[in-house]
């Protein structure tokens, strides 16, 4: 007797092998049987004839750290078929923290996560994962954010860490890993990770080498030095002797058109030399971040108060804008700014909502100001909380990265604001619908592997990521002929087509295309069965 039988579907099992007709039984949260079509069954049956049954999709790069706690429905993600998210990305997160760092982090990345009504009482990775275990829409894994660890030890100071500070940072990473984190992330264009040397990162990664997990960098340059930036990540992983997962592996900006060939060649070279590499990307051309990230790195030192004082000083403003507009600041990857590519996606103060949906040049025209001044003024008016889209992608690079043998899928989804990036609602359906079915970039079976078993292997999860007896029943039932995203840049918060049912740990979170009330998700800890 099983809890439920999915009857009549085509199994796309996550291994890359051709799909096959079979019925799937779910008992006690796990896959209890895979039977030839039509066998007799004693429990509830769900007719999935004509639909694909695959493992649940794994979002390898999520910014749902707070959303999974604050939003029980979390429909933006579950409606895509996502059953597991990896948070703590880009070197910035909400655990591990102390009281001071929690306040600073909530201010710094409000443009990613907002500030929902939570008690924020957790401090360690263990505490955070315990909050997830109280009930969530999806399963959640977390990385130790290096930048947050650094902030706990030395604030936002722009300097090298001392020997004692290096050890303290490493010890914080070690404890996070022992608490169940999957690895360590960095944000090397964000404060304070941007101030860390490669040697500091290798020192911190000694914890990963000792305890287990992987290194997940947002690296130093996606612009003028994009190939060098990726090579540096590969070198750090090699020196530290740890597995590497390259976050949002994109090759952006007009000057890098076609240069994915060079980036992928560097990755192949490292893999041939023995570096264990995976990567993720999302199927869109625009990126997204918090607006203040575009400032030169030196502007961030000392935190928000110091930043505000700098922006109020006419001479300092002039220096900032020269770096951004003429020289190319490190906050914009060394590329001189084209203000038409920066679109305001969100503001934290309602009085600034007039700017949402406008690029900076359009915003400036309304204010009868220069684009640079309009940018700086909005930062100050919104208390550095605004978010933005960055429209600098290259289609051929997106497709080349997507085809790579190390590729997985990550939404990099920012769910807050009036007009956030549509990737938060549409990544996996767009990958399957536009790139797989319409463009034929790869087969459906290969695409499902990218979204399921490959990321599960990176996370060390032997019992997730494939449709196999004994595995947890994280499953998606979708129409391969209809699946696709309806989310757009103008109207991003729209649910996809073609996702009929989604199961997390054997419980339906989407049934007949509708969100149920179930919250069966739990924390996924490194090494946990």
Protein backbone atom coordinates (compact mmCIF):
# COMPACT_ATOMS: atom_id res chain seq x y z
CA UNK A 1 0.00 0.00 0.00
CA UNK A 2 1.37 3.40 -0.98
CA UNK A 3 0.30 6.92 -0.17
CA UNK A 4 -0.02 7.91 -3.81
CA UNK A 5 0.56 6.54 -7.31
CA UNK A 6 1.43 8.83 -10.22
CA UNK A 7 -0.26 6.91 -13.02
CA UNK A 8 0.55 7.05 -16.73
CA UNK A 9 3.45 9.48 -16.90
CA UNK A 10 6.70 9.51 -18.85
CA UNK A 11 9.63 9.24 -16.44
CA UNK A 12 12.52 11.65 -17.12
CA UNK A 13 14.64 10.24 -14.33
CA UNK A 14 17.44 12.84 -14.09
CA UNK A 15 20.23 10.56 -15.35
CA UNK A 16 20.10 11.81 -18.94
CA UNK A 17 18.76 8.47 -20.19
CA UNK A 18 15.74 8.47 -22.53
CA UNK A 19 12.37 8.85 -20.88
CA UNK A 20 10.18 5.80 -20.36
CA UNK A 21 6.59 5.02 -19.43
CA UNK A 22 6.04 3.96 -15.83
CA UNK A 23 3.95 4.58 -12.72
CA UNK A 24 5.61 6.01 -9.60
CA UNK A 25 4.50 5.19 -6.06
CA UNK A 26 5.14 7.49 -3.09
CA UNK A 27 5.10 6.15 0.47
CA UNK A 28 6.25 7.92 3.62
CA UNK A 29 7.80 10.77 1.69
CA UNK A 30 9.95 8.55 -0.51
CA UNK A 31 9.65 6.83 -3.89
CA UNK A 32 8.51 3.34 -2.93
CA UNK A 33 8.08 1.82 -6.35
CA UNK A 34 8.42 2.33 -10.10
CA UNK A 35 6.08 -0.01 -11.95
CA UNK A 36 5.26 -0.87 -15.56
CA UNK A 37 2.20 1.08 -16.70
CA UNK A 38 -1.15 -0.24 -15.59
CA UNK A 39 -0.20 -2.44 -12.63
CA UNK A 40 -2.78 -2.65 -9.88
CA UNK A 41 -2.36 -0.31 -6.93
CA UNK A 42 -4.09 -0.11 -3.57
CA UNK A 43 -3.81 3.57 -2.71
CA UNK A 44 -4.77 6.97 -4.10
CA UNK A 45 -3.97 7.49 -7.78
CA UNK A 46 -3.20 10.68 -9.68
CA UNK A 47 -3.63 10.56 -13.44
CA UNK A 48 -0.54 12.10 -15.07
CA UNK A 49 -1.02 10.63 -18.54
CA UNK A 50 0.74 12.64 -21.23
CA UNK A 51 2.93 14.42 -18.69
CA UNK A 52 6.61 14.14 -17.75
CA UNK A 53 7.55 13.05 -14.24
CA UNK A 54 11.01 14.24 -13.20
CA UNK A 55 13.00 14.85 -10.03
CA UNK A 56 12.35 18.19 -8.36
CA UNK A 57 14.46 21.04 -9.66
CA UNK A 58 17.38 22.26 -7.56
CA UNK A 59 18.03 26.00 -7.51
CA UNK A 60 21.78 26.21 -7.01
CA UNK A 61 21.81 29.98 -6.53
CA UNK A 62 18.91 31.40 -4.54
CA UNK A 63 18.34 34.63 -2.64
CA UNK A 64 15.38 33.25 -0.68
CA UNK A 65 17.17 33.30 2.68
CA UNK A 66 14.32 35.24 4.30
CA UNK A 67 11.50 34.36 1.91
CA UNK A 68 11.57 30.68 2.88
CA UNK A 69 10.93 31.74 6.49
CA UNK A 70 8.53 34.63 5.90
CA UNK A 71 6.43 33.35 2.99
CA UNK A 72 4.86 29.99 3.69
CA UNK A 73 3.50 29.71 0.16
CA UNK A 74 6.72 30.75 -1.65
CA UNK A 75 4.81 30.29 -4.87
CA UNK A 76 7.38 32.03 -7.10
CA UNK A 77 9.70 29.08 -6.59
CA UNK A 78 7.46 26.06 -6.04
CA UNK A 79 5.34 26.89 -9.09
CA UNK A 80 8.50 26.48 -11.21
CA UNK A 81 9.04 22.96 -9.89
CA UNK A 82 11.81 23.95 -7.48
CA UNK A 83 12.01 21.61 -4.50
CA UNK A 84 15.41 22.63 -3.05
CA UNK A 85 17.17 25.99 -2.85
CA UNK A 86 20.75 26.84 -1.88
CA UNK A 87 20.99 30.15 0.00
CA UNK A 88 23.80 32.06 1.73
CA UNK A 89 25.10 33.13 -1.66
CA UNK A 90 27.55 35.78 -2.86
CA UNK A 91 29.41 36.00 0.43
CA UNK A 92 26.54 37.74 2.24
CA UNK A 93 23.87 36.17 4.40
CA UNK A 94 22.02 36.11 7.68
CA UNK A 95 24.04 33.36 9.38
CA UNK A 96 26.48 33.12 11.00
CA UNK A 97 26.18 36.62 12.46
CA UNK A 98 26.41 38.53 15.70
CA UNK A 99 23.94 41.25 16.68
CA UNK A 100 25.85 44.03 14.95
CA UNK A 101 26.40 42.10 11.74
CA UNK A 102 22.76 41.05 11.56
CA UNK A 103 21.75 44.72 11.55
CA UNK A 104 24.39 45.64 8.97
CA UNK A 105 23.54 42.72 6.70
CA UNK A 106 19.83 43.46 6.77
CA UNK A 107 20.64 47.00 5.65
CA UNK A 108 23.18 46.02 3.01
CA UNK A 109 21.17 43.41 1.14
CA UNK A 110 17.65 44.76 1.60
CA UNK A 111 17.64 45.10 -2.19
CA UNK A 112 17.98 41.32 -2.45
CA UNK A 113 15.70 40.15 0.34
CA UNK A 114 13.75 43.07 1.75
CA UNK A 115 13.16 43.11 5.50
CA UNK A 116 10.13 40.90 6.14
CA UNK A 117 8.51 40.69 9.56
CA UNK A 118 10.62 38.03 11.28
CA UNK A 119 12.14 37.95 14.76
CA UNK A 120 15.72 37.55 13.42
CA UNK A 121 16.71 35.81 16.63
CA UNK A 122 18.93 33.17 15.01
CA UNK A 123 22.67 33.76 14.87
CA UNK A 124 24.39 30.52 13.82
CA UNK A 125 23.95 28.30 10.78
CA UNK A 126 22.47 25.71 13.14
CA UNK A 127 19.93 28.26 14.40
CA UNK A 128 18.97 29.29 10.87
CA UNK A 129 18.48 25.70 9.70
CA UNK A 130 16.37 25.04 12.80
CA UNK A 131 14.10 27.89 11.70
CA UNK A 132 13.71 26.20 8.29
CA UNK A 133 12.81 22.93 10.01
CA UNK A 134 9.77 24.62 11.56
CA UNK A 135 8.19 24.40 8.10
CA UNK A 136 8.96 25.71 4.62
CA UNK A 137 7.57 25.33 1.14
CA UNK A 138 10.83 23.85 -0.18
CA UNK A 139 13.95 22.17 1.11
CA UNK A 140 16.75 24.60 1.97
CA UNK A 141 20.53 24.21 2.02
CA UNK A 142 22.90 27.01 3.01
CA UNK A 143 26.46 28.15 2.39
CA UNK A 144 28.67 29.98 4.89
CA UNK A 145 29.06 33.53 3.49
CA UNK A 146 32.71 34.53 3.74
CA UNK A 147 31.95 38.27 3.67
CA UNK A 148 29.62 37.95 6.65
CA UNK A 149 32.26 35.95 8.54
CA UNK A 150 34.83 38.65 7.72
CA UNK A 151 32.45 41.34 8.94
CA UNK A 152 32.12 39.56 12.28
CA UNK A 153 35.90 39.67 12.71
CA UNK A 154 36.92 43.03 11.21
CA UNK A 155 33.85 44.96 10.14
CA UNK A 156 33.98 46.59 6.71
CA UNK A 157 37.59 47.71 6.92
CA UNK A 158 39.45 47.84 3.61
CA UNK A 159 42.68 46.12 4.60
CA UNK A 160 44.38 42.76 4.79
CA UNK A 161 43.43 40.48 7.65
CA UNK A 162 46.06 39.83 10.31
CA UNK A 163 47.17 36.28 11.08
CA UNK A 164 44.88 36.19 14.10
CA UNK A 165 41.95 37.52 12.06
CA UNK A 166 42.56 34.95 9.32
CA UNK A 167 42.28 32.19 11.89
CA UNK A 168 39.09 33.68 13.35
CA UNK A 169 37.47 33.87 9.89
CA UNK A 170 38.47 30.27 9.19
CA UNK A 171 37.07 29.18 12.56
CA UNK A 172 33.72 30.82 11.80
CA UNK A 173 33.60 29.01 8.46
CA UNK A 174 34.52 25.74 10.22
CA UNK A 175 31.69 26.07 12.70
CA UNK A 176 29.21 26.85 9.94
CA UNK A 177 30.25 23.71 8.08
CA UNK A 178 29.95 21.63 11.26
CA UNK A 179 26.47 23.09 11.68
CA UNK A 180 25.51 21.66 8.28
CA UNK A 181 26.44 24.26 5.66
CA UNK A 182 27.27 22.92 2.20
CA UNK A 183 30.37 25.05 1.67
CA UNK A 184 31.58 28.64 1.57
CA UNK A 185 30.47 31.45 -0.72
CA UNK A 186 32.25 34.70 -1.53
CA UNK A 187 31.12 38.03 -2.93
CA UNK A 188 34.29 39.58 -4.29
CA UNK A 189 32.63 42.68 -5.73
CA UNK A 190 30.64 43.27 -2.52
CA UNK A 191 31.65 44.74 0.82
CA UNK A 192 33.57 43.38 2.68
CA UNK A 193 34.58 40.37 0.57
CA UNK A 194 36.04 42.67 -2.07
CA UNK A 195 38.79 43.59 0.41
CA UNK A 196 39.97 39.98 0.86
CA UNK A 197 43.09 38.69 -0.88
CA UNK A 198 43.22 35.35 -2.63
CA UNK A 199 45.48 34.16 0.19
CA UNK A 200 42.77 35.01 2.71
CA UNK A 201 40.26 32.95 0.76
CA UNK A 202 42.60 29.97 0.54
CA UNK A 203 43.13 30.21 4.31
CA UNK A 204 39.38 30.21 4.95
CA UNK A 205 38.89 27.33 2.51
CA UNK A 206 41.16 25.17 4.66
CA UNK A 207 37.98 24.60 6.67
CA UNK A 208 36.22 23.26 3.57
CA UNK A 209 39.19 21.04 2.78
CA UNK A 210 39.12 19.62 6.31
CA UNK A 211 35.38 19.24 6.90
CA UNK A 212 33.88 18.96 3.40
CA UNK A 213 31.78 20.97 1.00
CA UNK A 214 32.58 23.25 -1.91
CA UNK A 215 33.65 26.78 -2.76
CA UNK A 216 31.07 29.02 -4.46
CA UNK A 217 32.47 32.39 -5.58
CA UNK A 218 30.90 35.51 -6.98
CA UNK A 219 34.27 36.48 -8.36
CA UNK A 220 36.11 39.75 -8.80
CA UNK A 221 35.36 40.72 -12.36
CA UNK A 222 32.66 39.80 -14.88
CA UNK A 223 33.64 42.67 -17.20
CA UNK A 224 36.97 43.83 -18.62
CA UNK A 225 38.90 41.03 -16.91
CA UNK A 226 36.29 38.30 -17.17
CA UNK A 227 38.62 35.49 -18.24
CA UNK A 228 41.17 36.45 -15.60
CA UNK A 229 38.37 36.53 -13.02
CA UNK A 230 37.32 32.98 -13.77
CA UNK A 231 40.92 31.79 -13.90
CA UNK A 232 41.49 33.28 -10.45
CA UNK A 233 38.58 31.26 -9.06
CA UNK A 234 39.94 28.10 -10.62
CA UNK A 235 43.36 28.86 -9.17
CA UNK A 236 42.00 29.45 -5.66
CA UNK A 237 40.09 26.15 -5.74
CA UNK A 238 43.20 24.37 -6.98
CA UNK A 239 45.42 25.89 -4.28
CA UNK A 240 42.88 25.12 -1.57
CA UNK A 241 42.22 21.66 -3.04
CA UNK A 242 38.44 21.98 -2.77
CA UNK A 243 35.57 21.46 -5.22
CA UNK A 244 34.44 24.60 -7.04
CA UNK A 245 30.97 25.75 -8.05
CA UNK A 246 31.00 28.92 -10.16
CA UNK A 247 28.00 31.07 -9.27
CA UNK A 248 25.96 32.73 -12.05
CA UNK A 249 28.57 31.82 -14.65
CA UNK A 250 27.83 34.53 -17.21
CA UNK A 251 30.06 36.33 -19.66
CA UNK A 252 28.48 39.77 -19.86
CA UNK A 253 29.01 43.23 -21.41
CA UNK A 254 29.30 44.05 -25.11
CA UNK A 255 33.09 43.82 -25.12
CA UNK A 256 32.85 40.17 -24.05
CA UNK A 257 30.61 39.01 -26.87
CA UNK A 258 31.79 35.56 -27.90
CA UNK A 259 34.33 35.25 -25.07
CA UNK A 260 32.53 32.39 -23.39
CA UNK A 261 34.79 30.19 -25.52
CA UNK A 262 37.79 31.45 -23.54
CA UNK A 263 36.06 31.08 -20.19
CA UNK A 264 34.89 27.54 -20.91
CA UNK A 265 38.35 26.61 -22.22
CA UNK A 266 39.83 27.74 -18.89
CA UNK A 267 37.28 25.63 -17.04
CA UNK A 268 38.01 22.60 -19.22
CA UNK A 269 41.72 23.05 -18.64
CA UNK A 270 41.23 23.13 -14.88
CA UNK A 271 38.95 20.08 -14.95
CA UNK A 272 41.55 18.19 -16.99
CA UNK A 273 44.10 19.10 -14.31
CA UNK A 274 41.90 17.58 -11.62
CA UNK A 275 39.84 20.52 -10.30
CA UNK A 276 36.28 19.41 -9.52
CA UNK A 277 34.14 22.12 -11.19
CA UNK A 278 30.45 22.76 -11.59
CA UNK A 279 28.70 26.03 -12.42
CA UNK A 280 25.24 27.52 -12.64
CA UNK A 281 23.53 30.07 -14.87
CA UNK A 282 20.08 31.48 -15.50
CA UNK A 283 18.47 31.73 -18.97
CA UNK A 284 18.27 35.52 -19.24
CA UNK A 285 20.47 38.32 -20.52
CA UNK A 286 19.97 40.85 -17.74
CA UNK A 287 21.50 40.57 -14.29
CA UNK A 288 20.26 42.06 -11.03
CA UNK A 289 21.72 43.29 -7.77
CA UNK A 290 21.38 46.05 -5.20
CA UNK A 291 22.01 49.49 -6.68
CA UNK A 292 24.80 50.46 -4.28
CA UNK A 293 26.88 47.55 -5.57
CA UNK A 294 27.74 49.73 -8.60
CA UNK A 295 29.73 52.14 -6.42
CA UNK A 296 33.54 51.85 -6.29
CA UNK A 297 34.70 49.55 -3.52
CA UNK A 298 36.37 52.27 -1.46
CA UNK A 299 33.05 54.09 -1.06
CA UNK A 300 31.66 51.20 1.01
CA UNK A 301 34.33 51.20 3.70
CA UNK A 302 32.93 51.98 7.14
CA UNK A 303 29.34 51.07 6.36
CA UNK A 304 26.23 53.01 5.45
CA UNK A 305 26.92 56.11 7.55
CA UNK A 306 30.34 56.62 6.01
CA UNK A 307 28.91 56.02 2.54
CA UNK A 308 26.29 58.72 3.06
CA UNK A 309 28.89 61.26 4.18
CA UNK A 310 30.98 60.57 1.09
CA UNK A 311 28.00 61.04 -1.23
CA UNK A 312 27.21 64.38 0.42
CA UNK A 313 30.71 65.74 -0.28
CA UNK A 314 30.82 67.47 -3.73
CA UNK A 315 34.48 66.66 -4.33
CA UNK A 316 34.01 63.00 -3.41
CA UNK A 317 30.88 62.76 -5.60
CA UNK A 318 32.92 64.06 -8.51
CA UNK A 319 35.59 61.43 -7.92
CA UNK A 320 32.98 58.67 -7.64
CA UNK A 321 31.26 59.63 -10.88
CA UNK A 322 34.55 59.90 -12.75
CA UNK A 323 35.41 56.37 -11.71
CA UNK A 324 31.98 55.04 -12.65
CA UNK A 325 31.40 56.94 -15.89
CA UNK A 326 34.88 57.43 -17.35
CA UNK A 327 37.35 54.99 -15.86
CA UNK A 328 35.08 52.05 -15.09
CA UNK A 329 34.76 51.30 -11.37
CA UNK A 330 35.39 47.91 -9.79
CA UNK A 331 31.72 47.97 -8.73
CA UNK A 332 30.84 47.77 -12.43
CA UNK A 333 33.60 45.32 -13.31
CA UNK A 334 35.88 47.94 -14.81
CA UNK A 335 33.42 48.87 -17.57
CA UNK A 336 32.56 52.58 -17.99
CA UNK A 337 28.88 53.04 -17.24
CA UNK A 338 26.10 53.11 -19.82
CA UNK A 339 23.25 54.41 -17.68
CA UNK A 340 20.61 53.07 -20.08
CA UNK A 341 21.53 49.53 -18.96
CA UNK A 342 20.69 50.17 -15.29
CA UNK A 343 16.95 49.84 -14.58
CA UNK A 344 15.53 50.44 -11.11
CA UNK A 345 13.78 47.27 -9.94
CA UNK A 346 12.85 48.11 -6.36
CA UNK A 347 12.99 50.75 -3.65
CA UNK A 348 12.54 50.23 0.06
CA UNK A 349 10.85 53.59 0.66
CA UNK A 350 7.49 54.17 -0.98
CA UNK A 351 8.30 57.77 -1.86
CA UNK A 352 10.95 56.55 -4.30
CA UNK A 353 8.70 54.09 -6.13
CA UNK A 354 8.35 56.58 -9.02
CA UNK A 355 11.81 55.43 -10.17
CA UNK A 356 10.91 51.74 -10.52
CA UNK A 357 10.93 50.52 -14.12
CA UNK A 358 13.00 53.45 -15.39
CA UNK A 359 16.60 53.32 -16.45
CA UNK A 360 18.89 55.85 -14.80
CA UNK A 361 18.95 58.13 -17.86
CA UNK A 362 15.15 58.25 -17.93
CA UNK A 363 15.05 58.85 -14.20
CA UNK A 364 17.55 61.70 -14.57
CA UNK A 365 15.51 63.35 -17.33
CA UNK A 366 12.48 63.49 -15.04
CA UNK A 367 14.58 65.14 -12.35
CA UNK A 368 16.36 67.50 -14.75
CA UNK A 369 19.66 66.18 -13.39
CA UNK A 370 22.70 64.40 -14.77
CA UNK A 371 22.45 60.62 -14.78
CA UNK A 372 25.28 60.28 -12.27
CA UNK A 373 23.74 62.72 -9.82
CA UNK A 374 20.33 61.07 -10.18
CA UNK A 375 21.93 57.72 -9.37
CA UNK A 376 23.68 59.01 -6.27
CA UNK A 377 20.63 60.96 -5.12
CA UNK A 378 18.40 57.88 -5.35
CA UNK A 379 20.89 55.84 -3.37
CA UNK A 380 20.78 58.38 -0.56
CA UNK A 381 17.03 58.95 -0.71
CA UNK A 382 16.40 55.20 -0.47
CA UNK A 383 18.94 54.68 2.31
CA UNK A 384 21.00 52.46 -0.03
CA UNK A 385 18.16 49.93 -0.27
CA UNK A 386 17.21 50.13 -3.95
CA UNK A 387 17.62 47.19 -6.33
CA UNK A 388 18.34 47.23 -10.06
CA UNK A 389 18.49 45.24 -13.27
CA UNK A 390 21.73 45.33 -15.25
CA UNK A 391 21.07 44.76 -18.96
CA UNK A 392 24.46 43.63 -20.22
CA UNK A 393 24.07 40.01 -21.39
CA UNK A 394 25.13 38.19 -24.56
CA UNK A 395 22.83 35.50 -25.99
CA UNK A 396 25.53 33.36 -27.59
CA UNK A 397 27.44 33.29 -24.31
CA UNK A 398 24.32 32.26 -22.39
CA UNK A 399 23.76 29.30 -24.71
CA UNK A 400 27.41 28.24 -24.74
CA UNK A 401 27.61 28.14 -20.94
CA UNK A 402 24.28 26.31 -20.77
CA UNK A 403 25.62 23.49 -22.95
CA UNK A 404 28.69 22.85 -20.82
CA UNK A 405 29.10 19.48 -19.09
CA UNK A 406 29.49 21.19 -15.70
CA UNK A 407 26.34 23.30 -16.02
CA UNK A 408 23.51 23.43 -13.48
CA UNK A 409 20.66 25.91 -13.12
CA UNK A 410 20.34 28.74 -10.61
CA UNK A 411 17.66 31.41 -10.57
CA UNK A 412 19.72 34.04 -8.71
CA UNK A 413 16.16 35.10 -8.00
CA UNK A 414 15.47 38.35 -6.18
CA UNK A 415 11.81 38.24 -5.16
CA UNK A 416 11.36 41.67 -3.55
CA UNK A 417 10.32 44.97 -5.12
CA UNK A 418 7.68 46.10 -7.55
CA UNK A 419 9.49 45.02 -10.70
CA UNK A 420 12.21 42.48 -9.90
CA UNK A 421 14.01 40.30 -12.41
CA UNK A 422 11.65 37.70 -13.98
CA UNK A 423 14.22 34.96 -13.31
CA UNK A 424 12.75 34.65 -9.80
CA UNK A 425 9.49 33.38 -11.32
CA UNK A 426 10.54 31.91 -14.64
CA UNK A 427 14.05 30.40 -14.74
CA UNK A 428 13.33 26.69 -14.90
CA UNK A 429 10.23 26.89 -17.16
CA UNK A 430 12.10 29.24 -19.53
CA UNK A 431 15.08 26.88 -19.60
CA UNK A 432 12.83 23.93 -20.53
CA UNK A 433 10.43 25.81 -22.78
CA UNK A 434 12.45 28.39 -24.68
CA UNK A 435 15.94 26.93 -24.73
CA UNK A 436 15.16 23.20 -24.81
CA UNK A 437 11.86 22.84 -26.68
CA UNK A 438 11.96 25.92 -28.94
CA UNK A 439 15.69 26.38 -29.61
CA UNK A 440 16.81 22.78 -29.19
CA UNK A 441 19.91 23.72 -27.19
CA UNK A 442 19.84 20.20 -25.67
CA UNK A 443 17.46 17.29 -25.23
CA UNK A 444 14.80 17.32 -22.52
CA UNK A 445 16.54 14.45 -20.74
CA UNK A 446 19.86 16.31 -20.71
CA UNK A 447 18.18 19.49 -19.46
CA UNK A 448 16.53 17.66 -16.57
CA UNK A 449 19.94 16.21 -15.62
CA UNK A 450 21.32 19.78 -15.46
CA UNK A 451 18.46 20.77 -13.14
CA UNK A 452 18.42 17.71 -10.87
CA UNK A 453 21.05 14.98 -10.55
CA UNK A 454 24.11 17.10 -11.34
CA UNK A 455 23.37 19.68 -8.63
CA UNK A 456 22.38 16.88 -6.23
CA UNK A 457 25.82 15.33 -6.74
CA UNK A 458 27.51 18.66 -6.05
CA UNK A 459 25.54 18.90 -2.81
CA UNK A 460 26.44 15.33 -1.89
CA UNK A 461 22.80 14.19 -1.87
CA UNK A 462 22.69 10.54 -2.87
CA UNK A 463 18.95 10.22 -2.23
CA UNK A 464 17.72 13.21 -4.23
CA UNK A 465 18.04 14.32 -7.84
CA UNK A 466 16.87 11.14 -9.59
CA UNK A 467 13.62 9.20 -9.86
CA UNK A 468 14.77 6.07 -8.07
CA UNK A 469 13.23 3.73 -5.54
CA UNK A 470 14.26 4.77 -2.05
CA UNK A 471 14.94 8.40 -2.95
CA UNK A 472 13.02 11.25 -1.38
CA UNK A 473 9.94 12.02 -3.46
CA UNK A 474 10.90 15.50 -4.64
CA UNK A 475 9.08 15.37 -7.97
CA UNK A 476 7.77 17.63 -10.71
CA UNK A 477 5.00 16.67 -13.12
CA UNK A 478 4.96 18.90 -16.19
CA UNK A 479 3.78 19.10 -19.79
CA UNK A 480 6.91 19.10 -21.94
CA UNK A 481 4.93 20.60 -24.85
CA UNK A 482 3.56 23.49 -22.81
CA UNK A 483 6.07 24.30 -20.08
CA UNK A 484 7.35 27.86 -20.30
CA UNK A 485 7.69 31.16 -18.51
CA UNK A 486 5.19 33.99 -18.77
CA UNK A 487 7.20 36.32 -16.53
CA UNK A 488 8.64 39.36 -18.32
CA UNK A 489 10.75 42.36 -17.34
CA UNK A 490 7.62 44.53 -17.45
CA UNK A 491 5.45 42.00 -15.61
CA UNK A 492 7.77 39.66 -13.70
CA UNK A 493 5.52 38.20 -11.01
CA UNK A 494 3.62 35.82 -13.28
CA UNK A 495 3.51 32.07 -12.74
CA UNK A 496 4.62 29.70 -15.51
CA UNK A 497 2.71 27.43 -17.83
CA UNK A 498 2.85 23.66 -17.89
CA UNK A 499 3.78 22.79 -14.29
CA UNK A 500 0.92 20.59 -13.07
CA UNK A 501 2.11 19.01 -9.81
CA UNK A 502 5.09 19.48 -7.49
CA UNK A 503 5.95 17.23 -4.55
CA UNK A 504 8.42 18.05 -1.75
CA UNK A 505 9.36 15.11 0.45
CA UNK A 506 6.32 13.29 -0.90
CA UNK A 507 3.76 16.01 -0.14
CA UNK A 508 2.06 18.03 -2.86
CA UNK A 509 2.90 21.73 -2.78
CA UNK A 510 1.40 22.26 -6.25
CA UNK A 511 -1.64 20.16 -7.21
CA UNK A 512 -3.40 20.68 -10.53
CA UNK A 513 -1.39 23.89 -10.96
CA UNK A 514 -2.54 25.34 -7.63
CA UNK A 515 -0.54 25.93 -4.46
CA UNK A 516 -1.64 23.74 -1.57
CA UNK A 517 -1.25 24.68 2.09
CA UNK A 518 1.54 22.15 2.72
CA UNK A 519 4.94 23.22 4.06
CA UNK A 520 6.90 19.96 3.92
CA UNK A 521 10.30 21.48 3.20
CA UNK A 522 13.12 21.03 5.66
CA UNK A 523 16.74 21.96 6.15
CA UNK A 524 19.21 19.92 4.14
CA UNK A 525 22.45 19.63 6.06
CA UNK A 526 25.77 18.57 4.61
CA UNK A 527 26.31 14.88 5.17
CA UNK A 528 22.83 14.33 6.59
CA UNK A 529 20.81 11.32 5.45
